[in-house]
PDB file of N, CA and C in Angstrom:
ATOM      1  N   MET A   1      93.278  50.950  21.064  1.00  0.00           N
ATOM      2  CA  MET A   1      94.570  50.876  21.557  1.00  0.00           C
ATOM      3  C   MET A   1      95.029  51.516  21.227  1.00  0.00           C
ATOM      4  N   LYS A   2      95.738  50.626  20.197  1.00  0.00           N
ATOM      5  CA  LYS A   2      96.869  50.482  18.277  1.00  0.00           C
ATOM      6  C   LYS A   2      97.260  52.398  18.892  1.00  0.00           C
ATOM      7  N   ARG A   3      96.306  53.261  18.275  1.00  0.00           N
ATOM      8  CA  ARG A   3      96.228  54.775  18.258  1.00  0.00           C
ATOM      9  C   ARG A   3      97.826  55.031  19.482  1.00  0.00           C
ATOM     10  N   ALA A   4      96.904  54.557  21.199  1.00  0.00           N
ATOM     11  CA  ALA A   4      97.981  55.198  22.437  1.00  0.00           C
ATOM     12  C   ALA A   4      98.834  54.067  21.774  1.00  0.00           C
ATOM     13  N   TYR A   5      99.029  52.603  21.566  1.00  0.00           N
ATOM     14  CA  TYR A   5     101.171  52.767  21.445  1.00  0.00           C
ATOM     15  C   TYR A   5     101.005  54.144  20.708  1.00  0.00           C
ATOM     16  N   LYS A   6     101.131  53.837  19.322  1.00  0.00           N
ATOM     17  CA  LYS A   6     101.940  54.247  18.333  1.00  0.00           C
ATOM     18  C   LYS A   6     102.615  55.849  18.680  1.00  0.00           C
ATOM     19  N   ILE A   7     101.568  56.234  19.431  1.00  0.00           N
ATOM     20  CA  ILE A   7     101.862  57.919  20.405  1.00  0.00           C
ATOM     21  C   ILE A   7     102.295  58.016  21.099  1.00  0.00           C
ATOM     22  N   LYS A   8     103.087  56.768  21.954  1.00  0.00           N
ATOM     23  CA  LYS A   8     104.475  56.718  22.538  1.00  0.00           C
ATOM     24  C   LYS A   8     105.253  56.472  22.528  1.00  0.00           C
ATOM     25  N   THR A   9     104.822  55.498  20.977  1.00  0.00           N
ATOM     26  CA  THR A   9     106.293  54.967  20.845  1.00  0.00           C
ATOM     27  C   THR A   9     107.269  56.332  19.822  1.00  0.00           C
ATOM     28  N   ILE A  10     105.436  57.110  19.082  1.00  0.00           N
ATOM     29  CA  ILE A  10     106.267  58.334  18.610  1.00  0.00           C
ATOM     30  C   ILE A  10     107.193  59.554  19.816  1.00  0.00           C
ATOM     31  N   ASN A  11     106.664  59.171  21.193  1.00  0.00           N
ATOM     32  CA  ASN A  11     106.945  59.798  22.331  1.00  0.00           C
ATOM     33  C   ASN A  11     108.403  59.351  22.949  1.00  0.00           C
ATOM     34  N   ASN A  12     108.618  58.766  22.896  1.00  0.00           N
ATOM     35  CA  ASN A  12     109.916  57.551  23.105  1.00  0.00           C
ATOM     36  C   ASN A  12     111.166  58.801  23.534  1.00  0.00           C
ATOM     37  N   LYS A  13     111.271  59.196  22.091  1.00  0.00           N
ATOM     38  CA  LYS A  13     112.781  59.502  22.347  1.00  0.00           C
ATOM     39  C   LYS A  13     112.547  61.122  22.778  1.00  0.00           C
ATOM     40  N   ILE A  14     111.337  61.569  23.287  1.00  0.00           N
ATOM     41  CA  ILE A  14     110.848  62.706  24.139  1.00  0.00           C
ATOM     42  C   ILE A  14     111.218  62.222  25.664  1.00  0.00           C
ATOM     43  N   ALA A  15     110.444  61.384  25.904  1.00  0.00           N
ATOM     44  CA  ALA A  15     110.818  60.114  27.281  1.00  0.00           C
ATOM     45  C   ALA A  15     111.681  60.719  27.819  1.00  0.00           C
ATOM     46  N   ALA A  16     112.321  59.896  26.074  1.00  0.00           N
ATOM     47  CA  ALA A  16     114.160  59.593  27.080  1.00  0.00           C
ATOM     48  C   ALA A  16     114.857  61.067  27.691  1.00  0.00           C
ATOM     49  N   CYS A  17     114.539  61.691  27.071  1.00  0.00           N
ATOM     50  CA  CYS A  17     115.570  62.620  27.285  1.00  0.00           C
ATOM     51  C   CYS A  17     115.118  63.412  28.266  1.00  0.00           C
ATOM     52  N   ALA A  18     113.896  63.361  29.061  1.00  0.00           N
ATOM     53  CA  ALA A  18     112.545  63.940  30.154  1.00  0.00           C
ATOM     54  C   ALA A  18     112.982  63.075  30.746  1.00  0.00           C
ATOM     55  N   GLU A  19     114.105  61.275  31.005  1.00  0.00           N
ATOM     56  CA  GLU A  19     114.626  60.379  31.206  1.00  0.00           C
ATOM     57  C   GLU A  19     115.864  61.523  32.450  1.00  0.00           C
ATOM     58  N   ASN A  20     116.423  61.452  31.551  1.00  0.00           N
ATOM     59  CA  ASN A  20     117.786  62.144  31.728  1.00  0.00           C
ATOM     60  C   ASN A  20     118.215  62.831  31.969  1.00  0.00           C
ATOM     61  N   ASN A  21     117.198  63.685  32.181  1.00  0.00           N
ATOM     62  CA  ASN A  21     117.140  65.591  32.778  1.00  0.00           C
ATOM     63  C   ASN A  21     116.676  65.180  34.407  1.00  0.00           C
ATOM     64  N   PHE A  22     115.675  63.911  34.020  1.00  0.00           N
ATOM     65  CA  PHE A  22     115.707  64.016  35.795  1.00  0.00           C
ATOM     66  C   PHE A  22     116.122  63.306  36.733  1.00  0.00           C
ATOM     67  N   GLU A  23     117.084  62.307  35.543  1.00  0.00           N
ATOM     68  CA  GLU A  23     117.461  61.228  36.338  1.00  0.00           C
ATOM     69  C   GLU A  23     119.509  62.924  37.226  1.00  0.00           C
ATOM     70  N   ALA A  24     119.116  63.626  36.290  1.00  0.00           N
ATOM     71  CA  ALA A  24     120.456  64.780  36.976  1.00  0.00           C
ATOM     72  C   ALA A  24     119.696  65.604  37.728  1.00  0.00           C
ATOM     73  N   THR A  25     118.329  65.533  37.758  1.00  0.00           N
ATOM     74  CA  THR A  25     117.898  66.854  39.117  1.00  0.00           C
ATOM     75  C   THR A  25     117.421  65.796  39.737  1.00  0.00           C
ATOM     76  N   ARG A  26     117.302  64.755  39.025  1.00  0.00           N
ATOM     77  CA  ARG A  26     117.569  63.135  40.584  1.00  0.00           C
ATOM     78  C   ARG A  26     118.604  63.800  42.421  1.00  0.00           C
ATOM     79  N   ALA A  27     119.817  63.261  41.673  1.00  0.00           N
ATOM     80  CA  ALA A  27     120.577  63.724  41.672  1.00  0.00           C
ATOM     81  C   ALA A  27     120.683  64.328  42.594  1.00  0.00           C
ATOM     82  N   LYS A  28     120.946  65.232  42.499  1.00  0.00           N
ATOM     83  CA  LYS A  28     120.825  67.511  43.538  1.00  0.00           C
ATOM     84  C   LYS A  28     120.006  66.927  44.754  1.00  0.00           C
ATOM     85  N   GLU A  29     119.006  66.167  45.288  1.00  0.00           N
ATOM     86  CA  GLU A  29     118.105  65.487  46.399  1.00  0.00           C
ATOM     87  C   GLU A  29     118.330  64.454  46.900  1.00  0.00           C
ATOM     88  N   VAL A  30     118.656  64.268  47.787  1.00  0.00           N
ATOM     89  CA  VAL A  30     118.856  62.997  48.647  1.00  0.00           C
ATOM     90  C   VAL A  30     117.565  63.054  50.042  1.00  0.00           C
ATOM     91  N   SER A  31     117.256  61.757  50.516  1.00  0.00           N
ATOM     92  CA  SER A  31     116.291  61.616  51.377  1.00  0.00           C
ATOM     93  C   SER A  31     117.247  60.042  52.620  1.00  0.00           C
ATOM     94  N   PHE A  32     116.817  61.146  53.302  1.00  0.00           N
ATOM     95  CA  PHE A  32     117.372  59.229  54.264  1.00  0.00           C
ATOM     96  C   PHE A  32     117.058  59.098  55.879  1.00  0.00           C
ATOM     97  N   ILE A  33     116.461  58.477  55.694  1.00  0.00           N
ATOM     98  CA  ILE A  33     115.069  57.433  57.599  1.00  0.00           C
ATOM     99  C   ILE A  33     116.166  57.474  58.101  1.00  0.00           C
ATOM    100  N   MET A  34     116.346  58.247  59.258  1.00  0.00           N
ATOM    101  CA  MET A  34     117.718  57.859  60.611  1.00  0.00           C
ATOM    102  C   MET A  34     116.600  57.880  61.523  1.00  0.00           C
ATOM    103  N   VAL A  35     117.878  56.921  62.945  1.00  0.00           N
ATOM    104  CA  VAL A  35     117.541  56.830  64.178  1.00  0.00           C
ATOM    105  C   VAL A  35     118.225  58.226  65.003  1.00  0.00           C
ATOM    106  N   ALA A  36     117.829  58.739  64.940  1.00  0.00           N
ATOM    107  CA  ALA A  36     118.125  59.450  66.159  1.00  0.00           C
ATOM    108  C   ALA A  36     119.770  58.537  68.062  1.00  0.00           C
ATOM    109  N   LYS A  37     120.671  59.262  67.446  1.00  0.00           N
ATOM    110  CA  LYS A  37     121.647  58.766  68.708  1.00  0.00           C
ATOM    111  C   LYS A  37     121.737  60.037  69.725  1.00  0.00           C
ATOM    112  N   GLY A  38     121.479  61.465  69.685  1.00  0.00           N
ATOM    113  CA  GLY A  38     121.544  61.990  70.502  1.00  0.00           C
ATOM    114  C   GLY A  38     120.792  62.891  70.221  1.00  0.00           C
ATOM    115  N   VAL A  39     120.398  64.254  70.863  1.00  0.00           N
ATOM    116  CA  VAL A  39     118.968  65.029  70.916  1.00  0.00           C
ATOM    117  C   VAL A  39     120.452  66.165  69.994  1.00  0.00           C
ATOM    118  N   LEU A  40     118.746  67.339  69.929  1.00  0.00           N
ATOM    119  CA  LEU A  40     119.050  67.370  68.823  1.00  0.00           C
ATOM    120  C   LEU A  40     118.887  69.314  69.529  1.00  0.00           C
ATOM    121  N   GLY A  41     118.906  69.690  70.340  1.00  0.00           N
ATOM    122  CA  GLY A  41     119.630  70.790  71.174  1.00  0.00           C
ATOM    123  C   GLY A  41     119.686  71.701  70.052  1.00  0.00           C
ATOM    124  N   PHE A  42     119.848  73.621  70.386  1.00  0.00           N
ATOM    125  CA  PHE A  42     120.347  74.985  70.009  1.00  0.00           C
ATOM    126  C   PHE A  42     121.627  74.981  68.558  1.00  0.00           C
ATOM    127  N   ARG A  43     122.074  74.006  69.775  1.00  0.00           N
ATOM    128  CA  ARG A  43     123.944  73.874  69.467  1.00  0.00           C
ATOM    129  C   ARG A  43     123.873  73.321  68.375  1.00  0.00           C
ATOM    130  N   GLU A  44     122.790  72.025  68.453  1.00  0.00           N
ATOM    131  CA  GLU A  44     123.001  71.124  67.236  1.00  0.00           C
ATOM    132  C   GLU A  44     121.876  71.558  65.966  1.00  0.00           C
ATOM    133  N   SER A  45     121.946  72.125  66.339  1.00  0.00           N
ATOM    134  CA  SER A  45     120.295  73.065  65.094  1.00  0.00           C
ATOM    135  C   SER A  45     121.579  74.107  64.998  1.00  0.00           C
ATOM    136  N   ALA A  46     122.170  74.911  64.893  1.00  0.00           N
ATOM    137  CA  ALA A  46     123.147  76.006  65.035  1.00  0.00           C
ATOM    138  C   ALA A  46     123.742  75.973  64.087  1.00  0.00           C
ATOM    139  N   HIS A  47     124.724  74.229  64.081  1.00  0.00           N
ATOM    140  CA  HIS A  47     125.482  72.744  63.446  1.00  0.00           C
ATOM    141  C   HIS A  47     124.965  72.659  62.991  1.00  0.00           C
ATOM    142  N   ILE A  48     123.830  72.562  61.864  1.00  0.00           N
ATOM    143  CA  ILE A  48     122.863  71.284  61.524  1.00  0.00           C
ATOM    144  C   ILE A  48     123.024  73.114  59.706  1.00  0.00           C
ATOM    145  N   ILE A  49     122.901  74.224  60.371  1.00  0.00           N
ATOM    146  CA  ILE A  49     122.747  75.678  59.898  1.00  0.00           C
ATOM    147  C   ILE A  49     123.571  75.526  58.878  1.00  0.00           C
ATOM    148  N   LYS A  50     124.945  76.053  59.665  1.00  0.00           N
ATOM    149  CA  LYS A  50     126.046  76.591  59.482  1.00  0.00           C
ATOM    150  C   LYS A  50     126.365  75.575  58.474  1.00  0.00           C
ATOM    151  N   VAL A  51     126.964  73.893  58.426  1.00  0.00           N
ATOM    152  CA  VAL A  51     126.396  73.469  57.112  1.00  0.00           C
ATOM    153  C   VAL A  51     126.034  73.111  55.970  1.00  0.00           C
ATOM    154  N   ALA A  52     124.442  74.062  56.457  1.00  0.00           N
ATOM    155  CA  ALA A  52     123.738  73.954  55.072  1.00  0.00           C
ATOM    156  C   ALA A  52     124.489  75.643  54.544  1.00  0.00           C
ATOM    157  N   GLU A  53     124.549  76.757  55.263  1.00  0.00           N
ATOM    158  CA  GLU A  53     125.409  77.566  54.415  1.00  0.00           C
ATOM    159  C   GLU A  53     126.924  76.955  53.881  1.00  0.00           C
ATOM    160  N   ASP A  54     127.144  76.691  54.858  1.00  0.00           N
ATOM    161  CA  ASP A  54     128.773  75.755  54.312  1.00  0.00           C
ATOM    162  C   ASP A  54     129.005  75.241  53.238  1.00  0.00           C
ATOM    163  N   THR A  55     127.875  74.632  53.026  1.00  0.00           N
ATOM    164  CA  THR A  55     127.935  73.592  51.477  1.00  0.00           C
ATOM    165  C   THR A  55     126.662  74.144  50.705  1.00  0.00           C
ATOM    166  N   GLY A  56     126.191  75.277  50.680  1.00  0.00           N
ATOM    167  CA  GLY A  56     124.927  75.853  50.097  1.00  0.00           C
ATOM    168  C   GLY A  56     123.485  74.923  49.224  1.00  0.00           C
ATOM    169  N   CYS A  57     123.209  74.489  50.337  1.00  0.00           N
ATOM    170  CA  CYS A  57     122.075  72.644  50.313  1.00  0.00           C
ATOM    171  C   CYS A  57     121.486  73.860  51.412  1.00  0.00           C
ATOM    172  N   SER A  58     120.143  72.630  51.198  1.00  0.00           N
ATOM    173  CA  SER A  58     119.581  73.373  51.455  1.00  0.00           C
ATOM    174  C   SER A  58     118.621  72.369  52.739  1.00  0.00           C
ATOM    175  N   ILE A  59     118.188  71.783  53.920  1.00  0.00           N
ATOM    176  CA  ILE A  59     117.900  70.999  54.979  1.00  0.00           C
ATOM    177  C   ILE A  59     116.668  71.081  54.875  1.00  0.00           C
ATOM    178  N   SER A  60     116.338  69.735  55.439  1.00  0.00           N
ATOM    179  CA  SER A  60     115.013  69.601  55.974  1.00  0.00           C
ATOM    180  C   SER A  60     114.888  68.001  57.089  1.00  0.00           C
ATOM    181  N   ILE A  61     114.284  67.948  57.458  1.00  0.00           N
ATOM    182  CA  ILE A  61     114.006  67.611  58.853  1.00  0.00           C
ATOM    183  C   ILE A  61     112.809  66.941  59.197  1.00  0.00           C
ATOM    184  N   ALA A  62     112.249  65.501  59.048  1.00  0.00           N
ATOM    185  CA  ALA A  62     111.145  65.260  59.254  1.00  0.00           C
ATOM    186  C   ALA A  62     110.817  64.607  60.942  1.00  0.00           C
ATOM    187  N   SER A  63     109.876  64.564  61.732  1.00  0.00           N
ATOM    188  CA  SER A  63     109.862  63.860  62.801  1.00  0.00           C
ATOM    189  C   SER A  63     107.880  62.788  63.136  1.00  0.00           C
ATOM    190  N   GLY A  64     107.819  62.015  62.489  1.00  0.00           N
ATOM    191  CA  GLY A  64     106.463  62.219  62.829  1.00  0.00           C
ATOM    192  C   GLY A  64     105.990  62.692  62.042  1.00  0.00           C
ATOM    193  N   LYS A  65     105.124  64.419  62.677  1.00  0.00           N
ATOM    194  CA  LYS A  65     104.468  65.518  62.112  1.00  0.00           C
ATOM    195  C   LYS A  65     105.416  66.275  62.037  1.00  0.00           C
ATOM    196  N   LYS A  66     105.511  66.467  62.270  1.00  0.00           N
ATOM    197  CA  LYS A  66     106.463  67.256  62.819  1.00  0.00           C
ATOM    198  C   LYS A  66     107.455  67.910  61.885  1.00  0.00           C
ATOM    199  N   PHE A  67     107.775  68.866  61.200  1.00  0.00           N
ATOM    200  CA  PHE A  67     109.109  68.789  60.713  1.00  0.00           C
ATOM    201  C   PHE A  67     109.933  70.646  60.223  1.00  0.00           C
ATOM    202  N   GLY A  68     111.061  70.569  60.351  1.00  0.00           N
ATOM    203  CA  GLY A  68     111.998  71.824  60.554  1.00  0.00           C
ATOM    204  C   GLY A  68     112.852  71.709  59.380  1.00  0.00           C
ATOM    205  N   THR A  69     113.217  73.996  58.872  1.00  0.00           N
ATOM    206  CA  THR A  69     114.520  73.574  57.953  1.00  0.00           C
ATOM    207  C   THR A  69     115.504  74.401  58.836  1.00  0.00           C
ATOM    208  N   THR A  70     116.696  74.560  57.228  1.00  0.00           N
ATOM    209  CA  THR A  70     117.380  75.577  57.610  1.00  0.00           C
ATOM    210  C   THR A  70     116.719  76.743  58.309  1.00  0.00           C
ATOM    211  N   LYS A  71     115.236  76.977  57.410  1.00  0.00           N
ATOM    212  CA  LYS A  71     114.774  78.780  57.440  1.00  0.00           C
ATOM    213  C   LYS A  71     114.937  79.316  58.360  1.00  0.00           C
ATOM    214  N   SER A  72     114.709  78.099  60.313  1.00  0.00           N
ATOM    215  CA  SER A  72     114.053  78.527  60.955  1.00  0.00           C
ATOM    216  C   SER A  72     115.288  77.391  62.138  1.00  0.00           C
ATOM    217  N   ILE A  73     116.291  78.064  62.997  1.00  0.00           N
ATOM    218  CA  ILE A  73     116.491  77.355  64.101  1.00  0.00           C
ATOM    219  C   ILE A  73     115.366  76.581  64.495  1.00  0.00           C
ATOM    220  N   LEU A  74     114.326  76.935  64.749  1.00  0.00           N
ATOM    221  CA  LEU A  74     113.459  76.779  66.122  1.00  0.00           C
ATOM    222  C   LEU A  74     112.745  76.434  66.077  1.00  0.00           C
ATOM    223  N   SER A  75     111.931  75.868  64.401  1.00  0.00           N
ATOM    224  CA  SER A  75     112.154  73.879  63.567  1.00  0.00           C
ATOM    225  C   SER A  75     111.918  73.525  63.877  1.00  0.00           C
ATOM    226  N   PHE A  76     113.877  73.280  63.882  1.00  0.00           N
ATOM    227  CA  PHE A  76     114.465  71.821  64.620  1.00  0.00           C
ATOM    228  C   PHE A  76     114.615  71.389  65.656  1.00  0.00           C
ATOM    229  N   VAL A  77     114.672  73.086  66.854  1.00  0.00           N
ATOM    230  CA  VAL A  77     113.985  72.918  67.896  1.00  0.00           C
ATOM    231  C   VAL A  77     113.347  71.783  68.712  1.00  0.00           C
ATOM    232  N   ASN A  78     112.461  72.636  68.320  1.00  0.00           N
ATOM    233  CA  ASN A  78     110.728  72.585  68.072  1.00  0.00           C
ATOM    234  C   ASN A  78     110.403  70.904  67.688  1.00  0.00           C
ATOM    235  N   LEU A  79     111.917  69.766  66.958  1.00  0.00           N
ATOM    236  CA  LEU A  79     110.901  68.450  66.417  1.00  0.00           C
ATOM    237  C   LEU A  79     111.382  67.941  68.228  1.00  0.00           C
ATOM    238  N   GLY A  80     111.398  67.613  68.693  1.00  0.00           N
ATOM    239  CA  GLY A  80     112.306  67.617  70.649  1.00  0.00           C
ATOM    240  C   GLY A  80     113.208  65.791  69.936  1.00  0.00           C
ATOM    241  N   ILE A  81     113.608  65.922  69.439  1.00  0.00           N
ATOM    242  CA  ILE A  81     114.402  64.954  68.358  1.00  0.00           C
ATOM    243  C   ILE A  81     115.560  64.571  70.228  1.00  0.00           C
ATOM    244  N   MET A  82     115.215  63.974  70.218  1.00  0.00           N
ATOM    245  CA  MET A  82     115.242  62.808  71.538  1.00  0.00           C
ATOM    246  C   MET A  82     116.673  61.064  71.244  1.00  0.00           C
ATOM    247  N   PRO A  83     117.704  60.577  71.622  1.00  0.00           N
ATOM    248  CA  PRO A  83     118.246  59.379  70.804  1.00  0.00           C
ATOM    249  C   PRO A  83     116.635  58.297  70.260  1.00  0.00           C
ATOM    250  N   GLY A  84     117.743  57.152  69.428  1.00  0.00           N
ATOM    251  CA  GLY A  84     115.298  56.838  69.610  1.00  0.00           C
ATOM    252  C   GLY A  84     115.172  57.012  68.727  1.00  0.00           C
ATOM    253  N   LYS A  85     114.541  58.406  67.598  1.00  0.00           N
ATOM    254  CA  LYS A  85     113.678  58.716  67.526  1.00  0.00           C
ATOM    255  C   LYS A  85     113.936  58.298  66.189  1.00  0.00           C
ATOM    256  N   SER A  86     112.982  57.722  65.324  1.00  0.00           N
ATOM    257  CA  SER A  86     112.930  58.457  64.991  1.00  0.00           C
ATOM    258  C   SER A  86     112.718  59.944  63.204  1.00  0.00           C
ATOM    259  N   LEU A  87     113.081  59.801  62.233  1.00  0.00           N
ATOM    260  CA  LEU A  87     113.473  61.236  61.474  1.00  0.00           C
ATOM    261  C   LEU A  87     113.726  60.845  59.706  1.00  0.00           C
ATOM    262  N   VAL A  88     113.311  61.547  59.177  1.00  0.00           N
ATOM    263  CA  VAL A  88     113.505  62.110  57.241  1.00  0.00           C
ATOM    264  C   VAL A  88     114.930  62.712  57.781  1.00  0.00           C
ATOM    265  N   LEU A  89     115.988  62.047  56.908  1.00  0.00           N
ATOM    266  CA  LEU A  89     117.110  63.832  56.639  1.00  0.00           C
ATOM    267  C   LEU A  89     116.558  63.959  55.275  1.00  0.00           C
ATOM    268  N   ASN A  90     116.163  65.281  54.379  1.00  0.00           N
ATOM    269  CA  ASN A  90     116.048  66.166  52.967  1.00  0.00           C
ATOM    270  C   ASN A  90     117.409  67.434  52.712  1.00  0.00           C
ATOM    271  N   ILE A  91     118.344  66.713  51.844  1.00  0.00           N
ATOM    272  CA  ILE A  91     118.905  67.800  51.834  1.00  0.00           C
ATOM    273  C   ILE A  91     118.804  68.129  49.726  1.00  0.00           C
ATOM    274  N   LYS A  92     119.609  68.904  49.610  1.00  0.00           N
ATOM    275  CA  LYS A  92     118.646  69.480  48.305  1.00  0.00           C
ATOM    276  C   LYS A  92     120.295  70.021  48.353  1.00  0.00           C
ATOM    277  N   GLY A  93     120.547  70.097  46.371  1.00  0.00           N
ATOM    278  CA  GLY A  93     121.615  70.737  46.977  1.00  0.00           C
ATOM    279  C   GLY A  93     122.809  69.933  46.128  1.00  0.00           C
ATOM    280  N   GLU A  94     124.035  71.241  45.942  1.00  0.00           N
ATOM    281  CA  GLU A  94     124.462  70.374  44.925  1.00  0.00           C
ATOM    282  C   GLU A  94     126.082  68.917  45.071  1.00  0.00           C
ATOM    283  N   ARG A  95     126.453  69.917  46.795  1.00  0.00           N
ATOM    284  CA  ARG A  95     127.713  69.378  48.069  1.00  0.00           C
ATOM    285  C   ARG A  95     126.404  68.463  48.868  1.00  0.00           C
ATOM    286  N   ASN A  96     125.121  67.739  48.633  1.00  0.00           N
ATOM    287  CA  ASN A  96     124.584  66.726  49.341  1.00  0.00           C
ATOM    288  C   ASN A  96     125.990  66.210  49.999  1.00  0.00           C
ATOM    289  N   GLU A  97     126.213  65.283  49.135  1.00  0.00           N
ATOM    290  CA  GLU A  97     126.606  64.104  50.016  1.00  0.00           C
ATOM    291  C   GLU A  97     128.283  65.303  50.916  1.00  0.00           C
ATOM    292  N   GLU A  98     128.680  65.986  50.890  1.00  0.00           N
ATOM    293  CA  GLU A  98     128.897  66.556  52.372  1.00  0.00           C
ATOM    294  C   GLU A  98     128.209  66.423  52.824  1.00  0.00           C
ATOM    295  N   ALA A  99     126.855  67.297  53.278  1.00  0.00           N
ATOM    296  CA  ALA A  99     126.080  67.650  54.077  1.00  0.00           C
ATOM    297  C   ALA A  99     125.784  66.913  54.444  1.00  0.00           C
ATOM    298  N   PHE A 100     124.929  66.111  53.775  1.00  0.00           N
ATOM    299  CA  PHE A 100     124.622  63.826  54.238  1.00  0.00           C
ATOM    300  C   PHE A 100     125.779  63.756  55.669  1.00  0.00           C
ATOM    301  N   ARG A 101     127.366  63.678  55.139  1.00  0.00           N
ATOM    302  CA  ARG A 101     127.983  62.926  55.777  1.00  0.00           C
ATOM    303  C   ARG A 101     128.156  64.251  57.533  1.00  0.00           C
ATOM    304  N   GLU A 102     128.280  65.468  57.515  1.00  0.00           N
ATOM    305  CA  GLU A 102     128.392  65.948  58.367  1.00  0.00           C
ATOM    306  C   GLU A 102     126.609  66.226  58.999  1.00  0.00           C
ATOM    307  N   VAL A 103     125.553  66.457  58.810  1.00  0.00           N
ATOM    308  CA  VAL A 103     124.651  65.995  59.084  1.00  0.00           C
ATOM    309  C   VAL A 103     124.086  65.284  60.047  1.00  0.00           C
ATOM    310  N   SER A 104     124.767  63.034  59.430  1.00  0.00           N
ATOM    311  CA  SER A 104     124.531  62.181  60.151  1.00  0.00           C
ATOM    312  C   SER A 104     124.903  62.503  61.126  1.00  0.00           C
ATOM    313  N   LYS A 105     126.551  63.145  61.498  1.00  0.00           N
ATOM    314  CA  LYS A 105     127.339  63.013  62.557  1.00  0.00           C
ATOM    315  C   LYS A 105     126.384  63.100  63.352  1.00  0.00           C
ATOM    316  N   ILE A 106     126.594  65.380  63.291  1.00  0.00           N
ATOM    317  CA  ILE A 106     125.136  65.350  63.971  1.00  0.00           C
ATOM    318  C   ILE A 106     124.066  64.617  65.281  1.00  0.00           C
ATOM    319  N   ILE A 107     122.925  63.945  63.570  1.00  0.00           N
ATOM    320  CA  ILE A 107     122.541  63.730  64.260  1.00  0.00           C
ATOM    321  C   ILE A 107     122.861  62.454  65.470  1.00  0.00           C
ATOM    322  N   GLY A 108     123.896  61.826  64.746  1.00  0.00           N
ATOM    323  CA  GLY A 108     124.670  60.686  65.785  1.00  0.00           C
ATOM    324  C   GLY A 108     124.745  60.807  66.606  1.00  0.00           C
ATOM    325  N   GLY A 109     124.981  61.392  66.893  1.00  0.00           N
ATOM    326  CA  GLY A 109     126.059  62.573  68.505  1.00  0.00           C
ATOM    327  C   GLY A 109     127.508  62.296  68.479  1.00  0.00           C
ATOM    328  N   GLU A 110     127.866  62.658  67.415  1.00  0.00           N
ATOM    329  CA  GLU A 110     129.136  61.769  67.221  1.00  0.00           C
ATOM    330  C   GLU A 110     130.669  63.482  67.035  1.00  0.00           C
ATOM    331  N   THR A 111     129.850  64.757  67.624  1.00  0.00           N
ATOM    332  CA  THR A 111     129.417  65.822  67.914  1.00  0.00           C
ATOM    333  C   THR A 111     129.159  66.939  68.210  1.00  0.00           C
ATOM    334  N   ASP A 112     130.169  67.712  69.102  1.00  0.00           N
ATOM    335  CA  ASP A 112     129.299  68.915  69.783  1.00  0.00           C
ATOM    336  C   ASP A 112     128.870  69.385  70.115  1.00  0.00           C
ATOM    337  N   GLY A 113     128.748  69.950  67.703  1.00  0.00           N
ATOM    338  CA  GLY A 113     128.583  71.450  66.983  1.00  0.00           C
ATOM    339  C   GLY A 113     129.348  72.618  67.368  1.00  0.00           C
ATOM    340  N   ASN A 114     130.420  71.644  68.132  1.00  0.00           N
ATOM    341  CA  ASN A 114     131.178  73.060  67.836  1.00  0.00           C
ATOM    342  C   ASN A 114     132.448  72.998  66.398  1.00  0.00           C
ATOM    343  N   SER A 115     133.027  71.851  66.019  1.00  0.00           N
ATOM    344  CA  SER A 115     133.467  71.768  64.978  1.00  0.00           C
ATOM    345  C   SER A 115     133.303  73.046  63.698  1.00  0.00           C
TER     346      SER A 115
END
């Protein structure tokens, strides 16, 4: 037991460095649980993909057992997102805050996808 403690004490410096790197990496990826207030059809899906391209982020949405990414517009449409449906939004990238604001407007039904 003492030996394990000593090894842990020796590795504290390494663990602290790894924790700092983890914090920097973690800041680039965010996940949110949301409730859709609008329908996610072709127009809204295309707008989410445009937001991903403009911000350089990777956006994925999960709803139940279904999963959609910005790699395919059909993966978003096939989620069948209707008002009141819960989903998990995951955004990876440097400009994730900007992407979240735009995508939450789309999912919240605040925009028609033409902006």
